[in-house]
């Protein structure tokens, strides 16, 4: 500080910058002779940024490179990146469905290949073999039955005046049958051979025979034939009481004359009644194709056993509803015809009617004098509720049980009389022919 209080300027050292070689500062000092006034007028050099007296600081060799590398992206770089991402997204959207489709196609092909391999190795092969095996087992036992009937055509009045006489014609009906005995016993439907003058039978090996009618039962629509042949292939009877709805069955016959046609289906229902106008019949219902010409052919199970004899359809042609006589009924009728030549049925001598809707049982309307029912003390007005311990819900069920009971057998009959339950013993008689 000087005497006036102002800061004193610092003098440069004598050996400072510009002293060597007669610099500009040295010349100023020599020109001003070191006066104070000259020192005040001298301008101080304006400081330059970056260093002392305007000197620029030196940068390291890699400083520029580092600044370029660490610099933030420009707008052009951002646009390029966005365009690239948009292009990738567009390509993905276009190619993705094709890629997914190829993946699904490959997976589907793999699944089909696996299913095909499994089918050739196990289950489906077994099912296919079962079909062919059944055809080989039961096919040779099925026969073609052709009945010939003499039909007389009556001429009208004008034909008679002209001297023409009635002309006899022969009508043929084709059905099926199944061999049940090696010596030529065949079971078929009664309506196939009814009122026929001649019955021809064609075997699976091509041989043809003229058959003899041993006997028939119109009530169950069954007939038994015999041909003069030995050592024939025979079908095996099954137990129709064990059949349940849903079981697989096959129908084999000669629909429309097409020999040994096999069709497949299931048992749709059991114990069907009221299909035909006969109180002695109850049927197995099936959706296996049954057509005209199948009548009398077998309905077999998965083991090739005869579970029924196909006999009727709904309508004139196949509509998915066919009926077969249960094998137990067919076997019993066949045995009785072979032994006795006819079928005996039980008889009680009662006129029955349906009970009111809210009442269980069969109502007795009248009783034949001196009949088994009259001898047992059954009276009109009684309500039959059981037969041989089996409940009776309707008259058709009672009639079916009575007709299947052996002649002379004593059976307990459950009654409701005047509101009280009672049981009587009735001896089944022979139904009048």
Protein backbone atom coordinates (compact mmCIF):
# COMPACT_ATOMS: atom_id res chain seq x y z
CA UNK A 1 0.00 0.00 0.00
CA UNK A 2 1.29 3.55 -0.73
CA UNK A 3 0.77 6.59 1.36
CA UNK A 4 -2.52 7.53 -0.29
CA UNK A 5 -4.03 4.14 0.61
CA UNK A 6 -4.05 2.78 -2.92
CA UNK A 7 -2.58 -0.62 -3.55
CA UNK A 8 0.91 -0.54 -4.73
CA UNK A 9 1.61 -2.10 -8.07
CA UNK A 10 3.89 -5.01 -8.01
CA UNK A 11 6.93 -4.55 -10.06
CA UNK A 12 8.12 -7.23 -12.38
CA UNK A 13 11.42 -8.76 -11.51
CA UNK A 14 14.34 -7.67 -13.55
CA UNK A 15 14.86 -11.12 -14.99
CA UNK A 16 11.26 -11.48 -16.14
CA UNK A 17 9.87 -12.10 -19.56
CA UNK A 18 11.26 -9.95 -22.27
CA UNK A 19 14.49 -8.97 -20.47
CA UNK A 20 16.61 -11.11 -22.66
CA UNK A 21 17.36 -9.95 -26.17
CA UNK A 22 16.15 -6.36 -25.57
CA UNK A 23 12.45 -7.06 -25.22
CA UNK A 24 9.64 -4.55 -25.46
CA UNK A 25 9.38 -4.08 -21.74
CA UNK A 26 13.01 -3.27 -21.48
CA UNK A 27 12.75 -0.67 -24.22
CA UNK A 28 9.80 0.98 -22.42
CA UNK A 29 11.78 1.17 -19.27
CA UNK A 30 14.68 2.69 -21.09
CA UNK A 31 12.52 5.23 -22.88
CA UNK A 32 10.72 6.33 -19.74
CA UNK A 33 13.86 6.25 -17.70
CA UNK A 34 11.99 4.34 -15.07
CA UNK A 35 9.59 7.15 -14.22
CA UNK A 36 6.50 6.44 -12.21
CA UNK A 37 4.27 8.27 -14.66
CA UNK A 38 5.22 5.92 -17.47
CA UNK A 39 4.50 3.00 -15.30
CA UNK A 40 0.96 4.25 -14.64
CA UNK A 41 0.19 4.76 -18.31
CA UNK A 42 1.31 1.29 -19.28
CA UNK A 43 -1.56 -1.01 -19.94
CA UNK A 44 -1.70 -4.30 -18.33
CA UNK A 45 -2.13 -7.04 -20.82
CA UNK A 46 -5.74 -8.38 -20.94
CA UNK A 47 -5.74 -11.82 -19.50
CA UNK A 48 -6.64 -14.52 -22.02
CA UNK A 49 -8.66 -17.54 -21.02
CA UNK A 50 -6.86 -20.75 -20.62
CA UNK A 51 -3.49 -19.60 -19.29
CA UNK A 52 -1.25 -16.88 -18.12
CA UNK A 53 -0.68 -13.93 -20.52
CA UNK A 54 -2.94 -15.57 -23.20
CA UNK A 55 -1.02 -18.78 -23.49
CA UNK A 56 -3.39 -21.69 -24.48
CA UNK A 57 -3.07 -24.82 -22.37
CA UNK A 58 -1.74 -27.77 -24.19
CA UNK A 59 -4.08 -30.74 -24.53
CA UNK A 60 -3.06 -34.28 -24.12
CA UNK A 61 -2.81 -36.25 -27.34
CA UNK A 62 -5.94 -38.37 -26.58
CA UNK A 63 -8.05 -35.55 -25.20
CA UNK A 64 -9.92 -34.97 -28.48
CA UNK A 65 -10.54 -38.62 -29.01
CA UNK A 66 -11.98 -38.98 -25.53
CA UNK A 67 -14.21 -35.95 -26.09
CA UNK A 68 -15.58 -37.51 -29.32
CA UNK A 69 -16.17 -40.86 -27.69
CA UNK A 70 -17.94 -39.44 -24.64
CA UNK A 71 -20.04 -36.96 -26.56
CA UNK A 72 -23.88 -37.42 -26.49
CA UNK A 73 -25.69 -38.81 -29.64
CA UNK A 74 -26.88 -36.27 -32.12
CA UNK A 75 -30.41 -35.99 -33.59
CA UNK A 76 -29.28 -37.81 -36.73
CA UNK A 77 -28.09 -40.72 -34.64
CA UNK A 78 -31.43 -40.89 -32.86
CA UNK A 79 -33.36 -40.87 -36.13
CA UNK A 80 -31.19 -43.66 -37.49
CA UNK A 81 -31.77 -45.75 -34.40
CA UNK A 82 -35.54 -45.22 -34.53
CA UNK A 83 -35.67 -46.09 -38.22
CA UNK A 84 -33.70 -49.26 -37.56
CA UNK A 85 -35.98 -50.30 -34.69
CA UNK A 86 -39.06 -49.58 -36.80
CA UNK A 87 -37.70 -51.69 -39.66
CA UNK A 88 -36.97 -54.57 -37.31
CA UNK A 89 -40.50 -54.33 -35.84
CA UNK A 90 -42.08 -54.28 -39.30
CA UNK A 91 -40.12 -57.31 -40.42
CA UNK A 92 -41.11 -59.09 -37.21
CA UNK A 93 -44.79 -58.35 -37.73
CA UNK A 94 -44.62 -59.66 -41.27
CA UNK A 95 -42.57 -62.76 -40.52
CA UNK A 96 -44.14 -63.74 -37.15
CA UNK A 97 -47.42 -65.24 -38.48
CA UNK A 98 -45.51 -67.32 -40.98
CA UNK A 99 -43.16 -68.51 -38.26
CA UNK A 100 -46.04 -69.39 -35.94
CA UNK A 101 -47.83 -71.21 -38.76
CA UNK A 102 -44.74 -73.25 -39.52
CA UNK A 103 -44.39 -74.16 -35.85
CA UNK A 104 -48.02 -75.26 -35.62
CA UNK A 105 -47.75 -77.23 -38.84
CA UNK A 106 -44.65 -78.97 -37.55
CA UNK A 107 -46.36 -79.78 -34.27
CA UNK A 108 -49.46 -81.10 -36.07
CA UNK A 109 -47.32 -83.30 -38.27
CA UNK A 110 -45.55 -84.63 -35.20
CA UNK A 111 -48.87 -85.40 -33.48
CA UNK A 112 -50.23 -87.16 -36.57
CA UNK A 113 -47.06 -89.17 -36.87
CA UNK A 114 -47.34 -90.20 -33.21
CA UNK A 115 -51.00 -91.17 -33.64
CA UNK A 116 -50.19 -93.13 -36.78
CA UNK A 117 -47.39 -94.96 -35.01
CA UNK A 118 -49.65 -95.77 -32.07
CA UNK A 119 -52.40 -96.95 -34.40
CA UNK A 120 -50.07 -99.28 -36.25
CA UNK A 121 -48.70 -100.68 -33.04
CA UNK A 122 -51.60 -101.04 -30.61
CA UNK A 123 -55.26 -100.13 -30.11
CA UNK A 124 -56.61 -99.33 -33.57
CA UNK A 125 -54.90 -102.33 -35.05
CA UNK A 126 -56.56 -104.53 -32.43
CA UNK A 127 -59.97 -103.03 -33.16
CA UNK A 128 -59.54 -103.57 -36.89
CA UNK A 129 -58.45 -107.15 -36.30
CA UNK A 130 -61.52 -107.70 -34.12
CA UNK A 131 -63.82 -106.68 -36.98
CA UNK A 132 -62.16 -109.01 -39.46
CA UNK A 133 -61.97 -111.85 -36.94
CA UNK A 134 -65.68 -111.60 -36.19
CA UNK A 135 -66.50 -111.71 -39.88
CA UNK A 136 -64.42 -114.88 -40.25
CA UNK A 137 -65.94 -116.53 -37.17
CA UNK A 138 -69.62 -115.84 -37.69
CA UNK A 139 -69.71 -115.40 -41.47
CA UNK A 140 -69.64 -119.13 -42.38
CA UNK A 141 -72.58 -119.82 -40.03
CA UNK A 142 -74.91 -117.32 -41.73
CA UNK A 143 -77.10 -118.64 -44.57
CA UNK A 144 -79.30 -117.10 -47.22
CA UNK A 145 -82.94 -118.19 -46.90
CA UNK A 146 -85.27 -117.85 -49.88
CA UNK A 147 -88.91 -118.81 -49.50
CA UNK A 148 -91.14 -119.38 -52.51
CA UNK A 149 -94.86 -118.74 -52.27
CA UNK A 150 -97.53 -119.69 -54.78
CA UNK A 151 -99.68 -116.69 -55.60
CA UNK A 152 -102.88 -117.05 -57.63
CA UNK A 153 -104.02 -114.06 -59.61
CA UNK A 154 -107.77 -113.99 -60.26
CA UNK A 155 -108.85 -112.59 -63.66
CA UNK A 156 -111.59 -110.02 -63.85
CA UNK A 157 -114.98 -110.43 -65.51
CA UNK A 158 -113.82 -109.44 -68.97
CA UNK A 159 -110.92 -111.91 -68.84
CA UNK A 160 -113.32 -114.69 -67.84
CA UNK A 161 -115.58 -113.88 -70.78
CA UNK A 162 -112.59 -114.26 -73.06
CA UNK A 163 -111.93 -117.74 -71.74
CA UNK A 164 -108.82 -116.86 -69.73
CA UNK A 165 -108.14 -118.89 -66.61
CA UNK A 166 -106.47 -117.84 -63.31
CA UNK A 167 -102.73 -117.90 -63.60
CA UNK A 168 -100.50 -119.09 -60.73
CA UNK A 169 -97.35 -117.09 -59.98
CA UNK A 170 -94.50 -117.64 -57.58
CA UNK A 171 -93.34 -114.87 -55.26
CA UNK A 172 -90.00 -115.04 -53.45
CA UNK A 173 -88.96 -113.55 -50.14
CA UNK A 174 -85.30 -113.35 -49.12
CA UNK A 175 -84.10 -113.51 -45.54
CA UNK A 176 -81.25 -114.81 -43.40
CA UNK A 177 -80.64 -117.61 -40.97
CA UNK A 178 -77.96 -118.94 -38.63
CA UNK A 179 -76.74 -122.52 -38.23
CA UNK A 180 -77.05 -123.70 -34.61
CA UNK A 181 -76.47 -127.49 -35.03
CA UNK A 182 -73.82 -129.30 -37.06
CA UNK A 183 -76.40 -131.60 -38.60
CA UNK A 184 -78.11 -128.75 -40.45
CA UNK A 185 -80.43 -127.08 -37.89
CA UNK A 186 -81.06 -123.44 -38.81
CA UNK A 187 -82.92 -120.70 -36.91
CA UNK A 188 -84.67 -117.94 -38.82
CA UNK A 189 -87.74 -115.68 -38.55
CA UNK A 190 -91.21 -117.11 -38.95
CA UNK A 191 -92.34 -114.29 -41.26
CA UNK A 192 -89.55 -115.24 -43.70
CA UNK A 193 -90.92 -118.77 -44.28
CA UNK A 194 -94.62 -118.35 -43.41
CA UNK A 195 -97.05 -119.79 -45.98
CA UNK A 196 -94.18 -120.87 -48.23
CA UNK A 197 -94.35 -123.81 -50.59
CA UNK A 198 -90.57 -124.24 -50.77
CA UNK A 199 -87.58 -122.96 -48.83
CA UNK A 200 -84.09 -122.84 -50.32
CA UNK A 201 -80.93 -122.34 -48.25
CA UNK A 202 -77.58 -121.20 -49.64
CA UNK A 203 -74.46 -121.77 -47.52
CA UNK A 204 -71.35 -119.61 -47.37
CA UNK A 205 -69.39 -122.20 -49.39
CA UNK A 206 -71.85 -121.90 -52.28
CA UNK A 207 -73.82 -125.09 -51.71
CA UNK A 208 -77.60 -124.89 -51.96
CA UNK A 209 -80.18 -127.07 -50.23
CA UNK A 210 -83.94 -127.40 -49.99
CA UNK A 211 -84.86 -126.99 -46.33
CA UNK A 212 -87.57 -128.67 -44.28
CA UNK A 213 -89.63 -126.66 -41.81
CA UNK A 214 -89.42 -128.46 -38.45
CA UNK A 215 -91.64 -126.07 -36.58
CA UNK A 216 -92.42 -122.41 -35.95
CA UNK A 217 -93.73 -120.11 -33.27
CA UNK A 218 -95.66 -117.14 -34.57
CA UNK A 219 -95.80 -115.60 -31.10
CA UNK A 220 -92.04 -114.99 -31.05
CA UNK A 221 -91.61 -114.86 -34.86
CA UNK A 222 -89.16 -117.77 -34.87
CA UNK A 223 -88.88 -120.84 -37.11
CA UNK A 224 -86.54 -123.84 -37.19
CA UNK A 225 -85.34 -125.39 -40.47
CA UNK A 226 -83.22 -128.43 -41.29
CA UNK A 227 -81.05 -129.24 -44.29
CA UNK A 228 -79.42 -132.54 -45.19
CA UNK A 229 -75.80 -131.66 -44.41
CA UNK A 230 -73.18 -132.73 -41.88
CA UNK A 231 -70.27 -131.12 -40.03
CA UNK A 232 -71.43 -127.59 -40.66
CA UNK A 233 -69.92 -124.59 -38.85
CA UNK A 234 -72.19 -123.54 -35.98
CA UNK A 235 -72.72 -120.32 -34.07
CA UNK A 236 -72.40 -120.10 -30.30
CA UNK A 237 -75.33 -118.87 -28.21
CA UNK A 238 -74.68 -116.03 -25.79
CA UNK A 239 -76.55 -114.98 -22.64
CA UNK A 240 -78.79 -112.09 -23.61
CA UNK A 241 -79.66 -111.40 -19.96
CA UNK A 242 -76.13 -110.00 -19.50
CA UNK A 243 -76.41 -107.51 -22.35
CA UNK A 244 -76.35 -103.84 -21.33
CA UNK A 245 -77.05 -100.69 -23.34
CA UNK A 246 -73.91 -99.34 -24.97
CA UNK A 247 -72.29 -102.69 -25.74
CA UNK A 248 -70.89 -103.17 -29.24
CA UNK A 249 -72.73 -105.56 -31.54
CA UNK A 250 -72.53 -106.67 -35.17
CA UNK A 251 -75.42 -107.68 -37.44
CA UNK A 252 -74.71 -110.15 -40.24
CA UNK A 253 -77.21 -111.11 -42.92
CA UNK A 254 -78.27 -110.77 -46.52
CA UNK A 255 -79.87 -107.33 -46.91
CA UNK A 256 -81.37 -106.94 -50.38
CA UNK A 257 -79.80 -110.31 -51.28
CA UNK A 258 -76.21 -109.17 -50.58
CA UNK A 259 -74.70 -112.25 -48.97
CA UNK A 260 -73.17 -112.03 -45.48
CA UNK A 261 -73.13 -108.28 -45.13
CA UNK A 262 -71.74 -107.18 -41.76
CA UNK A 263 -72.75 -103.94 -40.04
CA UNK A 264 -71.69 -102.48 -36.72
CA UNK A 265 -73.44 -100.62 -33.90
CA UNK A 266 -74.30 -100.70 -30.23
CA UNK A 267 -77.14 -101.98 -28.09
CA UNK A 268 -79.40 -98.95 -27.75
CA UNK A 269 -81.83 -100.47 -25.24
CA UNK A 270 -82.94 -103.80 -23.77
CA UNK A 271 -86.38 -105.17 -22.92
CA UNK A 272 -88.29 -103.21 -25.57
CA UNK A 273 -91.98 -104.19 -25.60
CA UNK A 274 -94.91 -103.21 -27.76
CA UNK A 275 -92.85 -103.12 -30.96
CA UNK A 276 -95.05 -105.77 -32.61
CA UNK A 277 -98.57 -106.90 -31.84
CA UNK A 278 -97.43 -109.83 -29.72
CA UNK A 279 -97.44 -110.01 -25.91
CA UNK A 280 -94.73 -112.68 -25.95
CA UNK A 281 -91.96 -110.53 -27.32
CA UNK A 282 -89.40 -108.16 -25.89
CA UNK A 283 -86.47 -107.02 -27.97
CA UNK A 284 -82.92 -105.78 -27.96
CA UNK A 285 -82.77 -102.42 -29.72
CA UNK A 286 -79.71 -101.60 -31.82
CA UNK A 287 -78.50 -98.93 -34.23
CA UNK A 288 -76.59 -101.46 -36.35
CA UNK A 289 -77.88 -101.22 -39.91
CA UNK A 290 -80.73 -103.71 -40.43
CA UNK A 291 -82.53 -103.77 -43.77
CA UNK A 292 -85.00 -106.05 -45.56
CA UNK A 293 -83.18 -109.36 -45.95
CA UNK A 294 -81.45 -109.18 -42.55
CA UNK A 295 -84.43 -110.88 -40.88
CA UNK A 296 -83.37 -114.13 -39.22
CA UNK A 297 -79.66 -113.26 -39.12
CA UNK A 298 -77.56 -113.15 -35.95
CA UNK A 299 -76.69 -110.16 -33.78
CA UNK A 300 -73.33 -110.98 -32.16
CA UNK A 301 -71.15 -109.48 -29.44
CA UNK A 302 -67.41 -108.80 -29.42
CA UNK A 303 -66.71 -112.50 -28.84
CA UNK A 304 -68.80 -113.64 -31.80
CA UNK A 305 -71.57 -115.08 -29.61
CA UNK A 306 -75.18 -114.79 -30.80
CA UNK A 307 -77.00 -112.31 -28.58
CA UNK A 308 -80.11 -111.97 -30.72
CA UNK A 309 -81.91 -112.78 -33.96
CA UNK A 310 -82.60 -109.64 -36.01
CA UNK A 311 -86.28 -109.44 -36.80
CA UNK A 312 -87.72 -105.94 -37.28
CA UNK A 313 -86.96 -102.32 -38.11
CA UNK A 314 -88.83 -99.04 -37.78
CA UNK A 315 -90.09 -98.09 -41.24
CA UNK A 316 -89.40 -99.81 -44.52
CA UNK A 317 -85.66 -99.13 -44.66
CA UNK A 318 -82.83 -98.56 -42.22
CA UNK A 319 -83.36 -95.56 -39.96
CA UNK A 320 -81.04 -96.36 -37.07
CA UNK A 321 -83.63 -98.30 -35.04
CA UNK A 322 -83.62 -102.08 -35.34
CA UNK A 323 -84.79 -104.89 -33.08
CA UNK A 324 -83.56 -108.40 -32.33
CA UNK A 325 -85.13 -111.29 -30.42
CA UNK A 326 -82.98 -112.00 -27.32
CA UNK A 327 -80.82 -115.09 -27.65
CA UNK A 328 -82.22 -116.71 -24.49
CA UNK A 329 -85.73 -116.56 -25.96
CA UNK A 330 -84.56 -117.86 -29.36
CA UNK A 331 -82.58 -120.71 -27.83
CA UNK A 332 -85.52 -121.81 -25.62
CA UNK A 333 -87.99 -121.73 -28.53
CA UNK A 334 -85.54 -123.64 -30.77
CA UNK A 335 -85.03 -126.32 -28.14
CA UNK A 336 -88.78 -126.77 -27.57
CA UNK A 337 -89.47 -127.02 -31.29
CA UNK A 338 -86.72 -129.61 -31.73
CA UNK A 339 -88.03 -131.65 -28.78
CA UNK A 340 -91.81 -131.27 -29.13
CA UNK A 341 -92.38 -129.70 -32.52
CA UNK A 342 -94.22 -126.76 -30.96
CA UNK A 343 -93.94 -124.23 -28.13
CA UNK A 344 -96.02 -124.53 -24.98
CA UNK A 345 -96.88 -121.43 -23.01
CA UNK A 346 -98.22 -120.89 -19.55
CA UNK A 347 -101.82 -119.88 -18.94
CA UNK A 348 -103.76 -118.58 -15.92
CA UNK A 349 -107.11 -117.59 -17.43
CA UNK A 350 -107.40 -113.93 -16.38
CA UNK A 351 -108.56 -110.86 -18.27
CA UNK A 352 -106.24 -108.03 -17.30
CA UNK A 353 -106.38 -104.26 -17.56
CA UNK A 354 -104.05 -101.42 -16.70
CA UNK A 355 -104.37 -100.01 -13.21
CA UNK A 356 -104.89 -96.27 -12.55
CA UNK A 357 -101.80 -94.10 -13.13
CA UNK A 358 -101.00 -93.78 -9.43
CA UNK A 359 -101.54 -97.51 -8.70
CA UNK A 360 -98.85 -100.17 -9.17
CA UNK A 361 -99.88 -103.54 -10.63
CA UNK A 362 -102.21 -105.27 -13.11
CA UNK A 363 -105.96 -105.18 -12.50
CA UNK A 364 -107.98 -108.40 -12.84
CA UNK A 365 -111.17 -107.66 -14.79
CA UNK A 366 -112.52 -111.21 -15.25
CA UNK A 367 -111.54 -114.80 -14.43
CA UNK A 368 -112.23 -117.80 -16.65
CA UNK A 369 -114.20 -120.50 -14.82
CA UNK A 370 -112.21 -123.64 -13.89
CA UNK A 371 -109.00 -121.94 -14.99
CA UNK A 372 -105.78 -122.01 -12.90
CA UNK A 373 -106.60 -118.50 -11.67
CA UNK A 374 -110.12 -119.50 -10.61
CA UNK A 375 -108.82 -122.61 -8.82
CA UNK A 376 -106.31 -120.42 -6.94
CA UNK A 377 -109.14 -118.16 -5.68
CA UNK A 378 -108.35 -115.08 -7.74
CA UNK A 379 -111.38 -112.84 -8.19
CA UNK A 380 -112.27 -109.86 -10.39
CA UNK A 381 -111.12 -106.63 -8.78
CA UNK A 382 -107.92 -108.11 -7.40
CA UNK A 383 -104.72 -106.22 -8.14
CA UNK A 384 -101.74 -108.42 -9.06
CA UNK A 385 -98.54 -106.80 -7.77
CA UNK A 386 -95.99 -109.64 -8.03
CA UNK A 387 -95.42 -112.97 -9.77
CA UNK A 388 -92.98 -115.50 -8.32
CA UNK A 389 -91.48 -112.75 -6.17
CA UNK A 390 -90.92 -110.36 -9.11
CA UNK A 391 -92.85 -107.04 -9.00
CA UNK A 392 -95.50 -106.59 -11.69
CA UNK A 393 -96.05 -103.02 -12.91
CA UNK A 394 -98.32 -103.60 -15.94
CA UNK A 395 -100.34 -106.36 -17.65
CA UNK A 396 -97.76 -106.89 -20.45
CA UNK A 397 -95.07 -107.73 -17.92
CA UNK A 398 -97.30 -110.25 -16.15
CA UNK A 399 -98.34 -111.95 -19.42
CA UNK A 400 -94.71 -112.26 -20.48
CA UNK A 401 -93.77 -113.92 -17.19
CA UNK A 402 -96.72 -116.30 -17.24
CA UNK A 403 -96.12 -117.48 -20.82
CA UNK A 404 -92.45 -118.21 -20.04
CA UNK A 405 -93.19 -120.28 -16.95
CA UNK A 406 -93.03 -124.08 -17.38
CA UNK A 407 -96.37 -125.88 -17.46
CA UNK A 408 -97.44 -127.28 -14.08
CA UNK A 409 -95.13 -125.11 -11.98
CA UNK A 410 -96.60 -123.63 -8.79
CA UNK A 411 -95.88 -119.94 -8.37
CA UNK A 412 -96.72 -117.46 -5.57
CA UNK A 413 -98.89 -114.58 -6.80
CA UNK A 414 -98.98 -111.34 -4.81
CA UNK A 415 -102.38 -109.60 -4.63
CA UNK A 416 -103.99 -106.51 -3.17
CA UNK A 417 -107.64 -107.18 -2.26
CA UNK A 418 -109.83 -104.63 -0.52
CA UNK A 419 -106.73 -102.64 0.37
CA UNK A 420 -104.98 -105.61 2.02
CA UNK A 421 -101.99 -107.51 0.65
CA UNK A 422 -102.34 -111.25 0.17
CA UNK A 423 -100.44 -114.10 -1.50
CA UNK A 424 -101.94 -117.09 -3.29
CA UNK A 425 -100.29 -120.10 -4.90
CA UNK A 426 -101.29 -120.68 -8.52
CA UNK A 427 -100.35 -123.66 -10.70
CA UNK A 428 -99.56 -122.56 -14.26
CA UNK A 429 -101.63 -124.39 -16.87
CA UNK A 430 -101.16 -125.05 -20.58
CA UNK A 431 -102.32 -122.35 -22.92
CA UNK A 432 -104.99 -123.60 -25.36
CA UNK A 433 -103.73 -123.99 -28.92
